[in-house]
Protein backbone atom coordinates (compact mmCIF):
# COMPACT_ATOMS: atom_id res chain seq x y z
CA UNK A 1 124.18 156.85 215.74
CA UNK A 2 126.39 157.85 212.76
CA UNK A 3 129.11 155.45 211.71
CA UNK A 4 132.69 156.79 211.83
CA UNK A 5 134.60 156.99 208.58
CA UNK A 6 137.15 154.45 209.91
CA UNK A 7 134.35 152.02 210.79
CA UNK A 8 132.64 152.56 207.43
CA UNK A 9 135.91 151.97 205.56
CA UNK A 10 136.61 148.88 207.67
CA UNK A 11 133.17 147.44 206.92
CA UNK A 12 133.55 148.11 203.20
CA UNK A 13 137.01 146.52 203.10
CA UNK A 14 135.81 143.48 205.08
CA UNK A 15 132.97 143.00 202.61
CA UNK A 16 135.26 143.40 199.59
CA UNK A 17 137.70 140.83 200.99
CA UNK A 18 134.88 138.41 201.80
CA UNK A 19 133.24 138.84 198.38
CA UNK A 20 136.52 138.11 196.62
CA UNK A 21 137.62 135.25 198.89
CA UNK A 22 140.74 137.01 200.20
CA UNK A 23 141.69 135.99 203.74
CA UNK A 24 142.98 138.40 206.37
CA UNK A 25 146.37 136.69 206.19
CA UNK A 26 146.49 137.14 202.41
CA UNK A 27 145.40 140.77 202.66
CA UNK A 28 148.02 141.45 205.35
CA UNK A 29 150.70 140.03 203.05
CA UNK A 30 149.49 142.26 200.20
CA UNK A 31 149.76 145.26 202.53
CA UNK A 32 153.07 144.21 204.06
CA UNK A 33 151.68 144.36 207.60
CA UNK A 34 151.12 141.85 210.37
CA UNK A 35 147.73 140.11 210.46
CA UNK A 36 146.91 141.55 213.95
CA UNK A 37 147.50 145.06 212.55
CA UNK A 38 145.09 144.34 209.71
CA UNK A 39 142.61 142.96 212.21
CA UNK A 40 142.71 146.26 214.12
CA UNK A 41 142.03 148.13 210.90
CA UNK A 42 139.20 145.79 209.91
CA UNK A 43 137.59 146.40 213.31
CA UNK A 44 137.83 150.16 212.86
CA UNK A 45 140.24 150.51 215.79
CA UNK A 46 142.87 152.13 213.59
CA UNK A 47 142.20 153.66 210.18
CA UNK A 48 143.41 152.33 206.87
CA UNK A 49 145.93 154.57 205.16
CA UNK A 50 145.35 155.73 201.62
CA UNK A 51 148.35 153.62 200.59
CA UNK A 52 146.68 150.55 202.20
CA UNK A 53 143.47 151.17 200.30
CA UNK A 54 145.33 151.75 197.04
CA UNK A 55 147.32 148.49 197.41
CA UNK A 56 144.23 146.46 198.26
CA UNK A 57 142.17 147.94 195.45
CA UNK A 58 144.99 147.30 192.97
CA UNK A 59 145.35 143.71 194.17
CA UNK A 60 141.59 143.17 193.86
CA UNK A 61 141.47 144.80 190.43
CA UNK A 62 139.08 147.56 191.49
CA UNK A 63 139.29 151.27 192.25
CA UNK A 64 139.60 152.70 195.75
CA UNK A 65 136.10 154.18 195.28
CA UNK A 66 134.73 150.71 194.51
CA UNK A 67 136.61 149.28 197.49
CA UNK A 68 135.00 151.86 199.77
CA UNK A 69 131.42 151.39 198.59
CA UNK A 70 129.48 150.85 201.80
CA UNK A 71 128.15 147.34 202.37
CA UNK A 72 124.37 146.97 202.25
CA UNK A 73 124.29 146.34 206.00
CA UNK A 74 125.69 149.83 206.71
CA UNK A 75 123.37 151.46 204.18
CA UNK A 76 120.38 149.72 205.80
CA UNK A 77 121.59 150.72 209.29
CA UNK A 78 122.00 154.37 208.26
CA UNK A 79 118.55 154.43 206.66
CA UNK A 80 116.98 153.03 209.83
CA UNK A 81 118.51 155.81 211.98
């Protein structure tokens, strides 16, 4: 089954946060949103806005394109389908 763009973005952002040691609470502060709101976005329940992605990428010192690179787990899952 294809992965939705919101789910793919959420997985990529989760991986970027994990790889750089940024907690959900820290990321929520960077975005100026409540942690439960970020949690919904990280689960793919609600999409990230472009402004969210831009703020996170800037904070992490990467581009939005780099932020949205799919994690290996999604690439492997898509290849298996």
